[in-house]
Amino acid sequence: MQIRAVAEDDWQLVRDIRLRALRESPEVFGSSLAREERFLESHWRMRLRTSPTWVAVEDDGTPRGLVSMIREPGSSEVDRHVQQMWVAPEVRRRGVAWALLDAVVRAAAHDGAETASLWVVEDNASAVDLYVRAGFVRTGERQVLPRDPDRTEERYERHVDVAGLDASPRTDQA
């Protein structure tokens, strides 16, 4: 499995992974499949111009995961936000999520960040478990899931050290 940064010209690959994620795991994202299926090429390209993005691909080129990093509006200048994290079900618990998170943490460190943060739906126990094992801690900040007011998401944050590496040892895989 390779983790690689993508560029604007990779918009179709990113679109395909993102739409698959929304089809297979609609309950964990703030957006919807119907909304993002309407995005034009220009929107996908704009996303890639403004948000560093990485994909996980098999050696044969089969896409298996996705993550992006943004400066979340209203957040601290020294925070970078993990966004649209997703790994295909058939390769979960094989370290793909760890590798994607490592890419974001390294990029955040190189960008001068002190923290990396993310929002996770509170009833997504497997995601909460992954992020906690990856060094993220609860901030206590909660908000209603934008497209489902009956559900809540919580913000987690993790310190990014100078090297951009996780200081805590990993004992298992995602």
C-alpha atoms as a PDB file:
ATOM      1  CA  MET A   1       0.000   0.000   0.000  1.00  0.00           C
ATOM      2  CA  GLN A   2       1.309   3.424  -0.909  1.00  0.00           C
ATOM      3  CA  ILE A   3       0.299   6.739   0.608  1.00  0.00           C
ATOM      4  CA  ARG A   4       0.769   9.563  -1.846  1.00  0.00           C
ATOM      5  CA  ALA A   5      -0.013  13.231  -1.989  1.00  0.00           C
ATOM      6  CA  VAL A   6      -2.315  14.140  -4.841  1.00  0.00           C
ATOM      7  CA  ALA A   7      -2.427  17.186  -7.069  1.00  0.00           C
ATOM      8  CA  GLU A   8      -5.206  19.034  -8.818  1.00  0.00           C
ATOM      9  CA  ASP A   9      -4.993  16.770 -11.874  1.00  0.00           C
ATOM     10  CA  ASP A  10      -5.858  13.796  -9.624  1.00  0.00           C
ATOM     11  CA  TRP A  11      -9.350  15.211  -9.075  1.00  0.00           C
ATOM     12  CA  GLN A  12     -11.130  12.184 -10.629  1.00  0.00           C
ATOM     13  CA  LEU A  13      -9.314   9.748  -8.335  1.00  0.00           C
ATOM     14  CA  VAL A  14     -10.175  11.847  -5.282  1.00  0.00           C
ATOM     15  CA  ARG A  15     -13.776  12.259  -6.442  1.00  0.00           C
ATOM     16  CA  ASP A  16     -14.149   8.499  -6.911  1.00  0.00           C
ATOM     17  CA  ILE A  17     -12.756   7.677  -3.467  1.00  0.00           C
ATOM     18  CA  ARG A  18     -14.809  10.381  -1.771  1.00  0.00           C
ATOM     19  CA  LEU A  19     -18.054   9.289  -3.440  1.00  0.00           C
ATOM     20  CA  ARG A  20     -17.356   5.677  -2.481  1.00  0.00           C
ATOM     21  CA  ALA A  21     -16.777   6.806   1.107  1.00  0.00           C
ATOM     22  CA  LEU A  22     -20.093   8.676   1.137  1.00  0.00           C
ATOM     23  CA  ARG A  23     -21.888   5.655  -0.362  1.00  0.00           C
ATOM     24  CA  GLU A  24     -20.421   3.149   2.091  1.00  0.00           C
ATOM     25  CA  SER A  25     -20.218   5.244   5.263  1.00  0.00           C
ATOM     26  CA  PRO A  26     -22.803   8.036   4.914  1.00  0.00           C
ATOM     27  CA  GLU A  27     -23.456   8.258   8.631  1.00  0.00           C
ATOM     28  CA  VAL A  28     -19.950   9.432   9.541  1.00  0.00           C
ATOM     29  CA  PHE A  29     -19.623  12.479   7.300  1.00  0.00           C
ATOM     30  CA  GLY A  30     -21.081  15.955   7.550  1.00  0.00           C
ATOM     31  CA  SER A  31     -21.784  15.985   3.818  1.00  0.00           C
ATOM     32  CA  SER A  32     -23.977  13.734   1.713  1.00  0.00           C
ATOM     33  CA  LEU A  33     -23.558  11.642  -1.411  1.00  0.00           C
ATOM     34  CA  ALA A  34     -26.343  13.538  -3.182  1.00  0.00           C
ATOM     35  CA  ARG A  35     -24.611  16.856  -2.506  1.00  0.00           C
ATOM     36  CA  GLU A  36     -21.136  15.809  -3.623  1.00  0.00           C
ATOM     37  CA  GLU A  37     -22.331  13.922  -6.699  1.00  0.00           C
ATOM     38  CA  ARG A  38     -23.416  17.336  -8.013  1.00  0.00           C
ATOM     39  CA  PHE A  39     -19.935  18.839  -7.700  1.00  0.00           C
ATOM     40  CA  LEU A  40     -18.358  19.813 -10.992  1.00  0.00           C
ATOM     41  CA  GLU A  41     -14.764  19.190 -11.988  1.00  0.00           C
ATOM     42  CA  SER A  42     -13.955  22.776 -11.022  1.00  0.00           C
ATOM     43  CA  HIS A  43     -15.098  22.141  -7.446  1.00  0.00           C
ATOM     44  CA  TRP A  44     -12.962  19.000  -7.076  1.00  0.00           C
ATOM     45  CA  ARG A  45      -9.954  20.827  -8.506  1.00  0.00           C
ATOM     46  CA  MET A  46     -10.506  23.763  -6.135  1.00  0.00           C
ATOM     47  CA  ARG A  47     -10.576  21.368  -3.165  1.00  0.00           C
ATOM     48  CA  LEU A  48      -7.232  19.928  -4.188  1.00  0.00           C
ATOM     49  CA  ARG A  49      -5.703  23.374  -4.748  1.00  0.00           C
ATOM     50  CA  THR A  50      -6.710  24.522  -1.276  1.00  0.00           C
ATOM     51  CA  SER A  51      -6.378  21.359   0.845  1.00  0.00           C
ATOM     52  CA  PRO A  52      -3.374  19.051   0.901  1.00  0.00           C
ATOM     53  CA  THR A  53      -4.796  15.582   0.236  1.00  0.00           C
ATOM     54  CA  TRP A  54      -3.389  12.071   0.356  1.00  0.00           C
ATOM     55  CA  VAL A  55      -4.702   8.805  -1.021  1.00  0.00           C
ATOM     56  CA  ALA A  56      -3.902   5.222  -0.114  1.00  0.00           C
ATOM     57  CA  VAL A  57      -3.495   3.077  -3.217  1.00  0.00           C
ATOM     58  CA  GLU A  58      -2.604  -0.554  -3.738  1.00  0.00           C
ATOM     59  CA  ASP A  59       0.462  -1.353  -5.823  1.00  0.00           C
ATOM     60  CA  ASP A  60      -1.894  -2.021  -8.755  1.00  0.00           C
ATOM     61  CA  GLY A  61      -3.382   1.482  -8.413  1.00  0.00           C
ATOM     62  CA  THR A  62      -6.624   0.484  -6.667  1.00  0.00           C
ATOM     63  CA  PRO A  63      -7.653   3.347  -4.342  1.00  0.00           C
ATOM     64  CA  ARG A  64      -8.266   2.364  -0.714  1.00  0.00           C
ATOM     65  CA  GLY A  65      -8.292   5.516   1.403  1.00  0.00           C
ATOM     66  CA  LEU A  66      -8.360   9.284   1.582  1.00  0.00           C
ATOM     67  CA  VAL A  67      -7.539  12.143   3.952  1.00  0.00           C
ATOM     68  CA  SER A  68      -7.159  15.923   3.650  1.00  0.00           C
ATOM     69  CA  MET A  69      -5.824  18.705   5.821  1.00  0.00           C
ATOM     70  CA  ILE A  70      -7.275  22.194   6.095  1.00  0.00           C
ATOM     71  CA  ARG A  71      -7.012  25.306   8.196  1.00  0.00           C
ATOM     72  CA  GLU A  72     -10.455  25.131   9.750  1.00  0.00           C
ATOM     73  CA  PRO A  73     -12.216  28.516   9.805  1.00  0.00           C
ATOM     74  CA  GLY A  74     -12.255  29.917  13.319  1.00  0.00           C
ATOM     75  CA  SER A  75      -9.489  27.635  14.601  1.00  0.00           C
ATOM     76  CA  SER A  76      -6.101  28.668  15.877  1.00  0.00           C
ATOM     77  CA  GLU A  77      -3.437  29.609  13.325  1.00  0.00           C
ATOM     78  CA  VAL A  78      -1.272  26.796  14.713  1.00  0.00           C
ATOM     79  CA  ASP A  79      -3.900  24.082  14.243  1.00  0.00           C
ATOM     80  CA  ARG A  80      -4.411  21.936  11.148  1.00  0.00           C
ATOM     81  CA  HIS A  81      -7.631  20.031  10.718  1.00  0.00           C
ATOM     82  CA  VAL A  82      -7.945  16.430   9.538  1.00  0.00           C
ATOM     83  CA  GLN A  83     -10.809  16.135   7.083  1.00  0.00           C
ATOM     84  CA  GLN A  84     -12.602  13.431   5.046  1.00  0.00           C
ATOM     85  CA  MET A  85     -10.615  10.580   6.611  1.00  0.00           C
ATOM     86  CA  TRP A  86     -11.798   7.265   5.196  1.00  0.00           C
ATOM     87  CA  VAL A  87     -10.404   3.772   4.589  1.00  0.00           C
ATOM     88  CA  ALA A  88     -12.123   1.119   2.481  1.00  0.00           C
ATOM     89  CA  PRO A  89     -13.690  -1.619   4.627  1.00  0.00           C
ATOM     90  CA  GLU A  90     -11.738  -4.398   2.899  1.00  0.00           C
ATOM     91  CA  VAL A  91      -8.389  -2.958   4.073  1.00  0.00           C
ATOM     92  CA  ARG A  92      -9.286  -1.690   7.534  1.00  0.00           C
ATOM     93  CA  ARG A  93      -7.141  -2.828  10.444  1.00  0.00           C
ATOM     94  CA  ARG A  94      -4.085  -3.129   8.209  1.00  0.00           C
ATOM     95  CA  GLY A  95      -2.362   0.134   9.108  1.00  0.00           C
ATOM     96  CA  VAL A  96      -3.803   2.249   6.292  1.00  0.00           C
ATOM     97  CA  ALA A  97      -5.469   4.731   8.644  1.00  0.00           C
ATOM     98  CA  TRP A  98      -2.237   5.078  10.642  1.00  0.00           C
ATOM     99  CA  ALA A  99      -0.309   5.826   7.456  1.00  0.00           C
ATOM    100  CA  LEU A 100      -2.845   8.428   6.312  1.00  0.00           C
ATOM    101  CA  LEU A 101      -2.827  10.126   9.722  1.00  0.00           C
ATOM    102  CA  ASP A 102       0.993  10.116   9.727  1.00  0.00           C
ATOM    103  CA  ALA A 103       0.976  11.943   6.382  1.00  0.00           C
ATOM    104  CA  VAL A 104      -1.279  14.669   7.812  1.00  0.00           C
ATOM    105  CA  VAL A 105       0.727  15.003  11.032  1.00  0.00           C
ATOM    106  CA  ARG A 106       4.020  15.341   9.149  1.00  0.00           C
ATOM    107  CA  ALA A 107       2.512  17.921   6.799  1.00  0.00           C
ATOM    108  CA  ALA A 108       1.020  19.832   9.735  1.00  0.00           C
ATOM    109  CA  ALA A 109       4.414  19.946  11.439  1.00  0.00           C
ATOM    110  CA  HIS A 110       6.128  21.141   8.260  1.00  0.00           C
ATOM    111  CA  ASP A 111       3.430  23.806   7.954  1.00  0.00           C
ATOM    112  CA  GLY A 112       4.267  25.138  11.426  1.00  0.00           C
ATOM    113  CA  ALA A 113       1.296  23.662  13.250  1.00  0.00           C
ATOM    114  CA  GLU A 114       1.379  22.802  16.942  1.00  0.00           C
ATOM    115  CA  THR A 115      -1.800  20.726  16.907  1.00  0.00           C
ATOM    116  CA  ALA A 116      -3.871  18.580  14.588  1.00  0.00           C
ATOM    117  CA  SER A 117      -7.605  18.351  15.207  1.00  0.00           C
ATOM    118  CA  LEU A 118     -10.660  16.581  13.866  1.00  0.00           C
ATOM    119  CA  TRP A 119     -14.366  16.155  14.438  1.00  0.00           C
ATOM    120  CA  VAL A 120     -15.753  12.664  14.954  1.00  0.00           C
ATOM    121  CA  VAL A 121     -19.366  11.560  15.285  1.00  0.00           C
ATOM    122  CA  GLU A 122     -19.771  10.480  18.896  1.00  0.00           C
ATOM    123  CA  ASP A 123     -21.441   7.167  18.094  1.00  0.00           C
ATOM    124  CA  ASN A 124     -18.650   6.106  15.694  1.00  0.00           C
ATOM    125  CA  ALA A 125     -16.825   3.978  18.266  1.00  0.00           C
ATOM    126  CA  SER A 126     -14.269   2.522  15.857  1.00  0.00           C
ATOM    127  CA  ALA A 127     -13.180   5.994  14.685  1.00  0.00           C
ATOM    128  CA  VAL A 128     -13.018   7.304  18.259  1.00  0.00           C
ATOM    129  CA  ASP A 129     -10.871   4.289  19.193  1.00  0.00           C
ATOM    130  CA  LEU A 130      -8.520   4.847  16.237  1.00  0.00           C
ATOM    131  CA  TYR A 131      -8.043   8.538  16.960  1.00  0.00           C
ATOM    132  CA  VAL A 132      -7.495   8.026  20.688  1.00  0.00           C
ATOM    133  CA  ARG A 133      -4.877   5.327  19.964  1.00  0.00           C
ATOM    134  CA  ALA A 134      -3.267   7.780  17.513  1.00  0.00           C
ATOM    135  CA  GLY A 135      -2.828  10.338  20.302  1.00  0.00           C
ATOM    136  CA  PHE A 136      -5.890  12.531  19.857  1.00  0.00           C
ATOM    137  CA  VAL A 137      -7.679  13.657  23.032  1.00  0.00           C
ATOM    138  CA  ARG A 138     -11.154  15.011  23.610  1.00  0.00           C
ATOM    139  CA  THR A 139     -11.472  18.759  23.784  1.00  0.00           C
ATOM    140  CA  GLY A 140     -15.001  18.756  25.200  1.00  0.00           C
ATOM    141  CA  GLU A 141     -16.141  20.858  22.249  1.00  0.00           C
ATOM    142  CA  ARG A 142     -19.281  19.435  20.654  1.00  0.00           C
ATOM    143  CA  GLN A 143     -21.580  20.418  17.829  1.00  0.00           C
ATOM    144  CA  VAL A 144     -24.651  19.053  16.131  1.00  0.00           C
ATOM    145  CA  LEU A 145     -23.846  17.086  12.982  1.00  0.00           C
ATOM    146  CA  PRO A 146     -24.730  19.588  10.244  1.00  0.00           C
ATOM    147  CA  ARG A 147     -26.897  17.249   8.185  1.00  0.00           C
ATOM    148  CA  ASP A 148     -28.421  15.269  11.093  1.00  0.00           C
ATOM    149  CA  PRO A 149     -29.487  17.397  14.083  1.00  0.00           C
ATOM    150  CA  ASP A 150     -30.187  14.253  16.140  1.00  0.00           C
ATOM    151  CA  ARG A 151     -26.475  13.360  16.180  1.00  0.00           C
ATOM    152  CA  THR A 152     -23.487  15.075  17.746  1.00  0.00           C
ATOM    153  CA  GLU A 153     -19.818  15.193  16.875  1.00  0.00           C
ATOM    154  CA  GLU A 154     -16.929  15.986  19.185  1.00  0.00           C
ATOM    155  CA  ARG A 155     -13.641  17.715  18.441  1.00  0.00           C
ATOM    156  CA  TYR A 156     -10.415  15.880  19.215  1.00  0.00           C
ATOM    157  CA  GLU A 157      -6.933  17.364  19.186  1.00  0.00           C
ATOM    158  CA  ARG A 158      -3.395  16.096  19.260  1.00  0.00           C
ATOM    159  CA  HIS A 159      -0.047  17.803  19.826  1.00  0.00           C
ATOM    160  CA  VAL A 160       2.217  17.826  16.775  1.00  0.00           C
ATOM    161  CA  ASP A 161       5.846  17.624  17.799  1.00  0.00           C
ATOM    162  CA  VAL A 162       8.655  19.303  15.924  1.00  0.00           C
ATOM    163  CA  ALA A 163       9.494  16.203  13.892  1.00  0.00           C
ATOM    164  CA  GLY A 164       5.835  15.693  13.017  1.00  0.00           C
ATOM    165  CA  LEU A 165       5.974  12.191  14.412  1.00  0.00           C
ATOM    166  CA  ASP A 166       3.844  10.499  17.037  1.00  0.00           C
ATOM    167  CA  ALA A 167       5.803  10.329  20.267  1.00  0.00           C
ATOM    168  CA  SER A 168       3.712   7.438  21.593  1.00  0.00           C
ATOM    169  CA  PRO A 169       4.468   3.919  20.430  1.00  0.00           C
ATOM    170  CA  ARG A 170       1.924   2.098  18.312  1.00  0.00           C
ATOM    171  CA  THR A 171       0.938  -1.282  19.614  1.00  0.00           C
ATOM    172  CA  ASP A 172      -1.597  -2.268  16.975  1.00  0.00           C
ATOM    173  CA  GLN A 173      -2.817  -1.313  13.536  1.00  0.00           C
ATOM    174  CA  ALA A 174      -5.863   0.497  12.272  1.00  0.00           C
END
